[in-house]
C-alpha atoms as a PDB file:
ATOM      1  CA  MET A   1      94.416 101.488  63.305  1.00  0.00           C
ATOM      2  CA  SER A   2      95.470  98.640  61.028  1.00  0.00           C
ATOM      3  CA  ILE A   3      98.812  97.179  59.968  1.00  0.00           C
ATOM      4  CA  LYS A   4      99.955  97.817  56.404  1.00  0.00           C
ATOM      5  CA  LEU A   5     102.269  95.228  54.869  1.00  0.00           C
ATOM      6  CA  LEU A   6     104.958  96.317  52.441  1.00  0.00           C
ATOM      7  CA  THR A   7     107.845  94.658  50.618  1.00  0.00           C
ATOM      8  CA  ASP A   8     109.837  95.396  47.466  1.00  0.00           C
ATOM      9  CA  SER A   9     109.959  93.941  43.971  1.00  0.00           C
ATOM     10  CA  ALA A  10     113.004  91.797  44.815  1.00  0.00           C
ATOM     11  CA  SER A  11     110.425  89.429  46.341  1.00  0.00           C
ATOM     12  CA  ASP A  12     109.591  88.263  42.780  1.00  0.00           C
ATOM     13  CA  LEU A  13     105.917  87.814  43.595  1.00  0.00           C
ATOM     14  CA  PRO A  14     103.434  88.245  40.743  1.00  0.00           C
ATOM     15  CA  LEU A  15     101.592  91.556  40.524  1.00  0.00           C
ATOM     16  CA  SER A  16      98.334  89.668  41.155  1.00  0.00           C
ATOM     17  CA  PHE A  17      99.550  88.695  44.644  1.00  0.00           C
ATOM     18  CA  PHE A  18      99.908  92.333  45.682  1.00  0.00           C
ATOM     19  CA  GLN A  19      96.518  93.251  44.253  1.00  0.00           C
ATOM     20  CA  GLU A  20      94.680  90.299  45.816  1.00  0.00           C
ATOM     21  CA  ASN A  21      96.298  90.510  49.258  1.00  0.00           C
ATOM     22  CA  ASN A  22      96.390  94.288  49.722  1.00  0.00           C
ATOM     23  CA  VAL A  23     100.183  94.210  50.099  1.00  0.00           C
ATOM     24  CA  GLY A  24     102.231  97.156  48.846  1.00  0.00           C
ATOM     25  CA  PHE A  25     105.615  96.997  47.152  1.00  0.00           C
ATOM     26  CA  LEU A  26     108.486  99.325  46.340  1.00  0.00           C
ATOM     27  CA  PRO A  27     109.912  98.821  42.834  1.00  0.00           C
ATOM     28  CA  LEU A  28     113.659  98.421  42.402  1.00  0.00           C
ATOM     29  CA  ARG A  29     115.098 100.196  39.365  1.00  0.00           C
ATOM     30  CA  VAL A  30     116.560  98.680  36.213  1.00  0.00           C
ATOM     31  CA  SER A  31     118.685 100.589  33.667  1.00  0.00           C
ATOM     32  CA  LEU A  32     118.661  99.250  30.118  1.00  0.00           C
ATOM     33  CA  ASP A  33     119.538 100.958  26.823  1.00  0.00           C
ATOM     34  CA  ASN A  34     120.139 104.243  28.662  1.00  0.00           C
ATOM     35  CA  GLN A  35     116.646 104.206  30.140  1.00  0.00           C
ATOM     36  CA  GLU A  36     115.549 103.666  33.722  1.00  0.00           C
ATOM     37  CA  PHE A  37     112.608 101.374  34.422  1.00  0.00           C
ATOM     38  CA  LEU A  38     110.679 100.340  37.521  1.00  0.00           C
ATOM     39  CA  ASP A  39     110.722  96.617  38.235  1.00  0.00           C
ATOM     40  CA  LEU A  40     107.233  95.066  38.040  1.00  0.00           C
ATOM     41  CA  GLN A  41     105.754  98.376  36.869  1.00  0.00           C
ATOM     42  CA  THR A  42     107.356  99.637  33.676  1.00  0.00           C
ATOM     43  CA  ILE A  43     109.504  96.705  32.526  1.00  0.00           C
ATOM     44  CA  GLU A  44     108.738  93.025  31.990  1.00  0.00           C
ATOM     45  CA  PRO A  45     111.257  90.348  33.022  1.00  0.00           C
ATOM     46  CA  ALA A  46     111.145  88.916  29.489  1.00  0.00           C
ATOM     47  CA  SER A  47     112.645  92.176  28.172  1.00  0.00           C
ATOM     48  CA  VAL A  48     115.607  91.800  30.521  1.00  0.00           C
ATOM     49  CA  TYR A  49     116.262  88.177  29.543  1.00  0.00           C
ATOM     50  CA  GLU A  50     115.999  89.034  25.852  1.00  0.00           C
ATOM     51  CA  ALA A  51     118.517  91.865  26.323  1.00  0.00           C
ATOM     52  CA  ILE A  52     120.933  89.591  28.219  1.00  0.00           C
ATOM     53  CA  ARG A  53     120.743  86.966  25.478  1.00  0.00           C
ATOM     54  CA  LYS A  54     121.753  89.699  23.032  1.00  0.00           C
ATOM     55  CA  GLY A  55     124.834  90.476  25.127  1.00  0.00           C
ATOM     56  CA  LYS A  56     123.532  93.516  26.991  1.00  0.00           C
ATOM     57  CA  MET A  57     124.104  93.923  30.727  1.00  0.00           C
ATOM     58  CA  PRO A  58     121.272  95.728  32.539  1.00  0.00           C
ATOM     59  CA  LYS A  59     122.168  97.583  35.714  1.00  0.00           C
ATOM     60  CA  THR A  60     120.022  97.780  38.816  1.00  0.00           C
ATOM     61  CA  SER A  61     119.625 100.105  41.770  1.00  0.00           C
ATOM     62  CA  GLN A  62     117.647 100.106  44.987  1.00  0.00           C
ATOM     63  CA  ALA A  63     114.143 101.448  45.352  1.00  0.00           C
ATOM     64  CA  ALA A  64     114.118 105.240  44.929  1.00  0.00           C
ATOM     65  CA  PRO A  65     114.454 106.980  48.321  1.00  0.00           C
ATOM     66  CA  THR A  66     111.882 109.625  47.309  1.00  0.00           C
ATOM     67  CA  THR A  67     109.329 106.916  46.470  1.00  0.00           C
ATOM     68  CA  MET A  68     110.071 105.124  49.723  1.00  0.00           C
ATOM     69  CA  TYR A  69     109.632 108.323  51.719  1.00  0.00           C
ATOM     70  CA  GLU A  70     106.306 109.096  50.036  1.00  0.00           C
ATOM     71  CA  VAL A  71     104.928 105.585  50.589  1.00  0.00           C
ATOM     72  CA  PHE A  72     105.937 105.529  54.254  1.00  0.00           C
ATOM     73  CA  GLU A  73     104.628 109.068  54.831  1.00  0.00           C
ATOM     74  CA  ASP A  74     101.218 108.231  53.322  1.00  0.00           C
ATOM     75  CA  ILE A  75     100.888 105.386  55.834  1.00  0.00           C
ATOM     76  CA  ALA A  76     102.057 107.641  58.682  1.00  0.00           C
ATOM     77  CA  LYS A  77      99.423 110.249  57.757  1.00  0.00           C
ATOM     78  CA  SER A  78      96.693 107.589  57.727  1.00  0.00           C
ATOM     79  CA  GLY A  79      97.442 106.661  61.342  1.00  0.00           C
ATOM     80  CA  ASP A  80      98.139 103.041  60.440  1.00  0.00           C
ATOM     81  CA  SER A  81     101.273 101.130  61.392  1.00  0.00           C
ATOM     82  CA  CYS A  82     103.510  99.385  58.857  1.00  0.00           C
ATOM     83  CA  VAL A  83     105.780  96.376  58.500  1.00  0.00           C
ATOM     84  CA  TYR A  84     108.267  96.533  55.618  1.00  0.00           C
ATOM     85  CA  LEU A  85     109.976  93.296  54.537  1.00  0.00           C
ATOM     86  CA  ALA A  86     113.190  94.433  52.860  1.00  0.00           C
ATOM     87  CA  PHE A  87     115.471  92.708  50.366  1.00  0.00           C
ATOM     88  CA  SER A  88     118.628  91.316  52.012  1.00  0.00           C
ATOM     89  CA  SER A  89     120.951  94.075  53.221  1.00  0.00           C
ATOM     90  CA  GLU A  90     123.874  91.982  51.918  1.00  0.00           C
ATOM     91  CA  LEU A  91     122.593  92.306  48.335  1.00  0.00           C
ATOM     92  CA  SER A  92     121.083  95.795  48.221  1.00  0.00           C
ATOM     93  CA  GLY A  93     121.159  99.142  49.995  1.00  0.00           C
ATOM     94  CA  THR A  94     117.350  99.259  50.160  1.00  0.00           C
ATOM     95  CA  TYR A  95     117.174  98.178  53.820  1.00  0.00           C
ATOM     96  CA  GLN A  96     119.758 100.763  54.951  1.00  0.00           C
ATOM     97  CA  THR A  97     117.943 103.516  53.055  1.00  0.00           C
ATOM     98  CA  ALA A  98     114.623 102.500  54.619  1.00  0.00           C
ATOM     99  CA  MET A  99     116.161 102.726  58.085  1.00  0.00           C
ATOM    100  CA  MET A 100     117.455 106.244  57.371  1.00  0.00           C
ATOM    101  CA  ILE A 101     114.059 107.353  56.073  1.00  0.00           C
ATOM    102  CA  ARG A 102     112.390 105.825  59.129  1.00  0.00           C
ATOM    103  CA  GLU A 103     114.501 108.070  61.389  1.00  0.00           C
ATOM    104  CA  GLU A 104     113.539 111.142  59.328  1.00  0.00           C
ATOM    105  CA  LEU A 105     109.847 110.311  59.448  1.00  0.00           C
ATOM    106  CA  LEU A 106     109.816 109.649  63.196  1.00  0.00           C
ATOM    107  CA  GLU A 107     110.944 113.244  63.772  1.00  0.00           C
ATOM    108  CA  LYS A 108     107.887 114.427  61.861  1.00  0.00           C
ATOM    109  CA  TYR A 109     105.471 111.659  62.967  1.00  0.00           C
ATOM    110  CA  PRO A 110     106.709 110.516  66.405  1.00  0.00           C
ATOM    111  CA  ASP A 111     103.732 108.159  66.897  1.00  0.00           C
ATOM    112  CA  PHE A 112     104.251 106.340  63.592  1.00  0.00           C
ATOM    113  CA  GLN A 113     104.897 102.638  64.171  1.00  0.00           C
ATOM    114  CA  LEU A 114     107.131 101.425  61.347  1.00  0.00           C
ATOM    115  CA  GLU A 115     108.906  98.087  61.630  1.00  0.00           C
ATOM    116  CA  ILE A 116     111.578  97.422  58.995  1.00  0.00           C
ATOM    117  CA  ILE A 117     112.769  93.824  58.719  1.00  0.00           C
ATOM    118  CA  ASP A 118     116.013  92.885  57.006  1.00  0.00           C
ATOM    119  CA  THR A 119     114.733  89.550  55.699  1.00  0.00           C
ATOM    120  CA  LYS A 120     118.227  88.421  54.562  1.00  0.00           C
ATOM    121  CA  CYS A 121     116.173  86.817  51.777  1.00  0.00           C
ATOM    122  CA  ALA A 122     115.885  87.305  48.023  1.00  0.00           C
ATOM    123  CA  SER A 123     113.548  86.419  45.157  1.00  0.00           C
ATOM    124  CA  LEU A 124     110.730  84.091  46.174  1.00  0.00           C
ATOM    125  CA  GLY A 125     112.518  83.395  49.472  1.00  0.00           C
ATOM    126  CA  GLN A 126     111.516  86.940  50.354  1.00  0.00           C
ATOM    127  CA  GLY A 127     108.264  86.359  48.469  1.00  0.00           C
ATOM    128  CA  VAL A 128     107.209  83.295  50.450  1.00  0.00           C
ATOM    129  CA  VAL A 129     108.002  85.117  53.712  1.00  0.00           C
ATOM    130  CA  THR A 130     105.731  87.921  52.449  1.00  0.00           C
ATOM    131  CA  TYR A 131     103.061  85.335  51.601  1.00  0.00           C
ATOM    132  CA  TYR A 132     103.155  84.033  55.180  1.00  0.00           C
ATOM    133  CA  ALA A 133     103.102  87.613  56.485  1.00  0.00           C
ATOM    134  CA  ALA A 134      99.940  88.317  54.464  1.00  0.00           C
ATOM    135  CA  GLN A 135      98.328  85.301  56.152  1.00  0.00           C
ATOM    136  CA  LEU A 136      99.348  86.651  59.565  1.00  0.00           C
ATOM    137  CA  LEU A 137      97.436  89.853  58.813  1.00  0.00           C
ATOM    138  CA  GLN A 138      94.219  87.815  59.007  1.00  0.00           C
ATOM    139  CA  GLN A 139      95.049  86.738  62.581  1.00  0.00           C
ATOM    140  CA  LYS A 140      94.742  90.258  64.011  1.00  0.00           C
ATOM    141  CA  LEU A 141      98.078  90.049  65.816  1.00  0.00           C
ATOM    142  CA  SER A 142      99.703  93.045  67.451  1.00  0.00           C
ATOM    143  CA  LEU A 143     102.482  94.790  65.543  1.00  0.00           C
ATOM    144  CA  VAL A 144     105.108  93.296  67.882  1.00  0.00           C
ATOM    145  CA  GLU A 145     103.703  89.759  67.585  1.00  0.00           C
ATOM    146  CA  MET A 146     103.471  89.985  63.822  1.00  0.00           C
ATOM    147  CA  THR A 147     106.983  91.383  63.431  1.00  0.00           C
ATOM    148  CA  GLU A 148     108.524  88.640  65.574  1.00  0.00           C
ATOM    149  CA  LYS A 149     106.729  85.893  63.663  1.00  0.00           C
ATOM    150  CA  ILE A 150     107.777  87.305  60.282  1.00  0.00           C
ATOM    151  CA  LYS A 151     111.378  87.389  61.517  1.00  0.00           C
ATOM    152  CA  GLN A 152     111.116  83.673  62.308  1.00  0.00           C
ATOM    153  CA  TYR A 153     109.882  82.869  58.808  1.00  0.00           C
ATOM    154  CA  ALA A 154     112.724  84.918  57.314  1.00  0.00           C
ATOM    155  CA  LEU A 155     115.347  83.341  59.579  1.00  0.00           C
ATOM    156  CA  HIS A 156     114.332  79.810  58.583  1.00  0.00           C
ATOM    157  CA  MET A 157     113.813  80.358  54.840  1.00  0.00           C
ATOM    158  CA  GLU A 158     116.175  78.250  52.714  1.00  0.00           C
ATOM    159  CA  HIS A 159     117.256  79.335  49.226  1.00  0.00           C
ATOM    160  CA  ILE A 160     118.687  76.610  46.959  1.00  0.00           C
ATOM    161  CA  PHE A 161     119.386  77.537  43.364  1.00  0.00           C
ATOM    162  CA  THR A 162     121.446  76.961  40.275  1.00  0.00           C
ATOM    163  CA  VAL A 163     122.430  79.396  37.536  1.00  0.00           C
ATOM    164  CA  ASP A 164     123.506  78.785  33.974  1.00  0.00           C
ATOM    165  CA  ASP A 165     126.408  81.207  34.264  1.00  0.00           C
ATOM    166  CA  LEU A 166     127.905  82.515  37.508  1.00  0.00           C
ATOM    167  CA  ASP A 167     129.556  85.356  35.578  1.00  0.00           C
ATOM    168  CA  PHE A 168     126.306  87.319  35.803  1.00  0.00           C
ATOM    169  CA  LEU A 169     126.423  87.228  39.596  1.00  0.00           C
ATOM    170  CA  ALA A 170     130.158  87.998  39.638  1.00  0.00           C
ATOM    171  CA  GLN A 171     129.794  91.055  37.393  1.00  0.00           C
ATOM    172  CA  GLY A 172     127.195  92.457  39.749  1.00  0.00           C
ATOM    173  CA  GLY A 173     129.374  91.756  42.774  1.00  0.00           C
ATOM    174  CA  ARG A 174     126.913  89.178  44.143  1.00  0.00           C
ATOM    175  CA  VAL A 175     129.557  86.422  44.282  1.00  0.00           C
ATOM    176  CA  SER A 176     133.340  86.609  44.051  1.00  0.00           C
ATOM    177  CA  LYS A 177     135.010  86.316  40.654  1.00  0.00           C
ATOM    178  CA  ALA A 178     136.929  83.317  41.961  1.00  0.00           C
ATOM    179  CA  SER A 179     133.653  81.560  42.763  1.00  0.00           C
ATOM    180  CA  ALA A 180     132.395  82.299  39.256  1.00  0.00           C
ATOM    181  CA  PHE A 181     134.971  80.040  37.596  1.00  0.00           C
ATOM    182  CA  VAL A 182     133.071  76.768  37.262  1.00  0.00           C
ATOM    183  CA  GLY A 183     134.110  75.351  33.907  1.00  0.00           C
ATOM    184  CA  GLY A 184     131.236  75.841  31.470  1.00  0.00           C
ATOM    185  CA  LEU A 185     132.883  73.624  28.850  1.00  0.00           C
ATOM    186  CA  LEU A 186     132.617  70.654  31.213  1.00  0.00           C
ATOM    187  CA  ASN A 187     128.874  71.253  31.771  1.00  0.00           C
ATOM    188  CA  ILE A 188     129.537  71.860  35.450  1.00  0.00           C
ATOM    189  CA  LYS A 189     126.628  73.588  37.157  1.00  0.00           C
ATOM    190  CA  PRO A 190     126.950  75.469  40.440  1.00  0.00           C
ATOM    191  CA  LEU A 191     124.585  74.901  43.335  1.00  0.00           C
ATOM    192  CA  LEU A 192     124.227  77.924  45.619  1.00  0.00           C
ATOM    193  CA  HIS A 193     122.369  78.930  48.735  1.00  0.00           C
ATOM    194  CA  VAL A 194     121.870  82.039  50.859  1.00  0.00           C
ATOM    195  CA  GLU A 195     123.732  82.244  54.132  1.00  0.00           C
ATOM    196  CA  ASP A 196     123.125  85.256  56.399  1.00  0.00           C
ATOM    197  CA  GLY A 197     121.799  87.145  53.384  1.00  0.00           C
ATOM    198  CA  LYS A 198     124.772  86.417  51.106  1.00  0.00           C
ATOM    199  CA  LEU A 199     124.895  84.227  47.991  1.00  0.00           C
ATOM    200  CA  ILE A 200     127.281  81.333  48.618  1.00  0.00           C
ATOM    201  CA  PRO A 201     128.261  78.621  46.091  1.00  0.00           C
ATOM    202  CA  ILE A 202     128.129  75.267  47.889  1.00  0.00           C
ATOM    203  CA  GLU A 203     128.751  72.586  45.242  1.00  0.00           C
ATOM    204  CA  LYS A 204     129.681  72.074  41.604  1.00  0.00           C
ATOM    205  CA  ILE A 205     127.778  69.316  39.842  1.00  0.00           C
ATOM    206  CA  ARG A 206     128.195  67.967  36.335  1.00  0.00           C
ATOM    207  CA  GLY A 207     124.946  67.992  34.394  1.00  0.00           C
ATOM    208  CA  ARG A 208     121.672  69.829  34.880  1.00  0.00           C
ATOM    209  CA  LYS A 209     119.625  66.722  35.791  1.00  0.00           C
ATOM    210  CA  LYS A 210     122.030  65.851  38.588  1.00  0.00           C
ATOM    211  CA  VAL A 211     121.759  69.410  39.895  1.00  0.00           C
ATOM    212  CA  PHE A 212     117.991  69.094  40.272  1.00  0.00           C
ATOM    213  CA  LYS A 213     118.275  65.741  42.018  1.00  0.00           C
ATOM    214  CA  ARG A 214     120.806  67.266  44.388  1.00  0.00           C
ATOM    215  CA  MET A 215     118.454  70.210  45.030  1.00  0.00           C
ATOM    216  CA  LEU A 216     115.824  67.740  46.225  1.00  0.00           C
ATOM    217  CA  ASP A 217     118.398  65.934  48.368  1.00  0.00           C
ATOM    218  CA  VAL A 218     119.260  69.236  50.059  1.00  0.00           C
ATOM    219  CA  MET A 219     115.553  69.918  50.577  1.00  0.00           C
ATOM    220  CA  GLU A 220     115.233  66.555  52.313  1.00  0.00           C
ATOM    221  CA  GLU A 221     118.326  67.231  54.447  1.00  0.00           C
ATOM    222  CA  ARG A 222     117.265  70.719  55.526  1.00  0.00           C
ATOM    223  CA  GLY A 223     113.486  70.954  55.220  1.00  0.00           C
ATOM    224  CA  LYS A 224     110.828  70.286  57.853  1.00  0.00           C
ATOM    225  CA  ASN A 225     107.303  69.096  57.039  1.00  0.00           C
ATOM    226  CA  LEU A 226     107.794  69.764  53.333  1.00  0.00           C
ATOM    227  CA  SER A 227     104.436  68.193  52.483  1.00  0.00           C
ATOM    228  CA  SER A 228     102.514  70.904  54.344  1.00  0.00           C
ATOM    229  CA  GLN A 229     104.633  73.914  53.384  1.00  0.00           C
ATOM    230  CA  THR A 230     104.175  76.475  50.645  1.00  0.00           C
ATOM    231  CA  ILE A 231     107.212  75.942  48.412  1.00  0.00           C
ATOM    232  CA  GLY A 232     108.492  78.750  46.197  1.00  0.00           C
ATOM    233  CA  ILE A 233     110.015  78.077  42.769  1.00  0.00           C
ATOM    234  CA  SER A 234     111.382  80.938  40.690  1.00  0.00           C
ATOM    235  CA  HIS A 235     112.932  80.700  37.248  1.00  0.00           C
ATOM    236  CA  GLY A 236     114.951  82.768  34.794  1.00  0.00           C
ATOM    237  CA  ASP A 237     112.511  82.609  31.870  1.00  0.00           C
ATOM    238  CA  ASP A 238     112.257  78.805  31.974  1.00  0.00           C
ATOM    239  CA  VAL A 239     108.779  77.932  33.228  1.00  0.00           C
ATOM    240  CA  GLU A 240     108.966  74.435  31.722  1.00  0.00           C
ATOM    241  CA  THR A 241     111.885  73.464  33.975  1.00  0.00           C
ATOM    242  CA  ALA A 242     110.206  75.120  36.971  1.00  0.00           C
ATOM    243  CA  LEU A 243     107.128  72.940  36.424  1.00  0.00           C
ATOM    244  CA  GLN A 244     109.312  69.845  36.081  1.00  0.00           C
ATOM    245  CA  LEU A 245     110.932  70.673  39.419  1.00  0.00           C
ATOM    246  CA  LYS A 246     107.477  71.138  40.946  1.00  0.00           C
ATOM    247  CA  GLU A 247     106.486  67.636  39.787  1.00  0.00           C
ATOM    248  CA  MET A 248     109.683  66.166  41.249  1.00  0.00           C
ATOM    249  CA  ILE A 249     108.978  67.857  44.605  1.00  0.00           C
ATOM    250  CA  GLN A 250     105.358  66.700  44.591  1.00  0.00           C
ATOM    251  CA  GLU A 251     106.374  63.139  43.848  1.00  0.00           C
ATOM    252  CA  ARG A 252     109.090  63.016  46.491  1.00  0.00           C
ATOM    253  CA  PHE A 253     107.542  65.013  49.340  1.00  0.00           C
ATOM    254  CA  GLY A 254     103.809  65.180  48.628  1.00  0.00           C
ATOM    255  CA  THR A 255     103.806  68.989  48.671  1.00  0.00           C
ATOM    256  CA  LYS A 256     100.524  70.507  47.502  1.00  0.00           C
ATOM    257  CA  HIS A 257     100.977  74.270  47.685  1.00  0.00           C
ATOM    258  CA  PHE A 258     103.471  76.140  45.484  1.00  0.00           C
ATOM    259  CA  ILE A 259     104.175  79.686  44.377  1.00  0.00           C
ATOM    260  CA  ILE A 260     105.868  79.615  40.969  1.00  0.00           C
ATOM    261  CA  ASN A 261     106.938  82.793  39.211  1.00  0.00           C
ATOM    262  CA  ILE A 262     109.493  84.195  36.804  1.00  0.00           C
ATOM    263  CA  ILE A 263     112.466  85.934  38.432  1.00  0.00           C
ATOM    264  CA  GLY A 264     111.794  89.651  38.085  1.00  0.00           C
ATOM    265  CA  ALA A 265     113.722  92.236  36.113  1.00  0.00           C
ATOM    266  CA  ALA A 266     115.865  93.406  39.059  1.00  0.00           C
ATOM    267  CA  ILE A 267     117.056  90.012  40.321  1.00  0.00           C
ATOM    268  CA  GLY A 268     117.092  88.536  36.802  1.00  0.00           C
ATOM    269  CA  SER A 269     119.551  91.212  35.659  1.00  0.00           C
ATOM    270  CA  HIS A 270     122.117  89.549  37.948  1.00  0.00           C
ATOM    271  CA  SER A 271     121.142  85.862  37.863  1.00  0.00           C
ATOM    272  CA  GLY A 272     120.523  85.647  34.108  1.00  0.00           C
ATOM    273  CA  PRO A 273     118.421  83.293  31.979  1.00  0.00           C
ATOM    274  CA  GLY A 274     118.106  79.648  33.005  1.00  0.00           C
ATOM    275  CA  THR A 275     118.291  80.195  36.763  1.00  0.00           C
ATOM    276  CA  ILE A 276     116.151  77.808  38.804  1.00  0.00           C
ATOM    277  CA  ALA A 277     115.569  78.334  42.518  1.00  0.00           C
ATOM    278  CA  VAL A 278     113.569  76.613  45.245  1.00  0.00           C
ATOM    279  CA  PHE A 279     112.609  78.077  48.622  1.00  0.00           C
ATOM    280  CA  PHE A 280     111.373  76.271  51.727  1.00  0.00           C
ATOM    281  CA  LEU A 281     111.429  76.400  55.521  1.00  0.00           C
ATOM    282  CA  ASN A 282     113.984  74.471  57.563  1.00  0.00           C
ATOM    283  CA  GLU A 283     111.856  74.725  60.690  1.00  0.00           C
ATOM    284  CA  THR A 284     108.169  74.519  61.550  1.00  0.00           C
ATOM    285  CA  ILE A 285     106.940  77.941  62.654  1.00  0.00           C
ATOM    286  CA  GLU A 286     104.204  77.693  65.272  1.00  0.00           C
END
């Protein structure tokens, strides 16, 4: 019996990661131009950003319950156990649905060991936790040991990000409409983080360059052993800025290992073009 690792497309990891590390994923759904697409499978993030720039507002929904059931049942039939790292329950119903399906499946497969973790993470915060989880698979830990260690990575994962326009998040109900009023005409940029799975604006800063400097200051304040971590950087169709941020982090902290990827179609539908996010641990996990 082996442990199968599963997450969902809200982790914003590249497709190559899943293929190379034998990690499965459940695609969230994106509705655009009266069509439904599967994130990371049948729609490219660039299509979403192009649509947003043209004034369209894509809608998203959680991973399809039927797909989730089928994926979990295939693992149950194989006799393997499974750990599913779910998108934050504060931002999606995917975790709650997975828990309901787990109860259904246990009636049919009472010996099936399925651990579902509410990561309280999003984008590459969830992705970097999944990256660490894939490394744990190589250590041949028990299901209980692996689950507890993944929970520690998720608990200590920091998300620091800025968006070009908070209205995208407000329209999707991800932040309050009051928080979305930041004064675009004054070039004021919001700095946000994730607290207990929720998106929380923490500061308003004038000018994009100052925002990035402040992001590094927060990393220094909160991070532990940043030089030896794997740092995640995700971007809303702005790889040039993501690479600039990488260079700033390298110069300041000596970090060598990064995961950099475009924010996927599901998350990008809410955060919009120009979003830049950095993810790191605030504690050393032994």
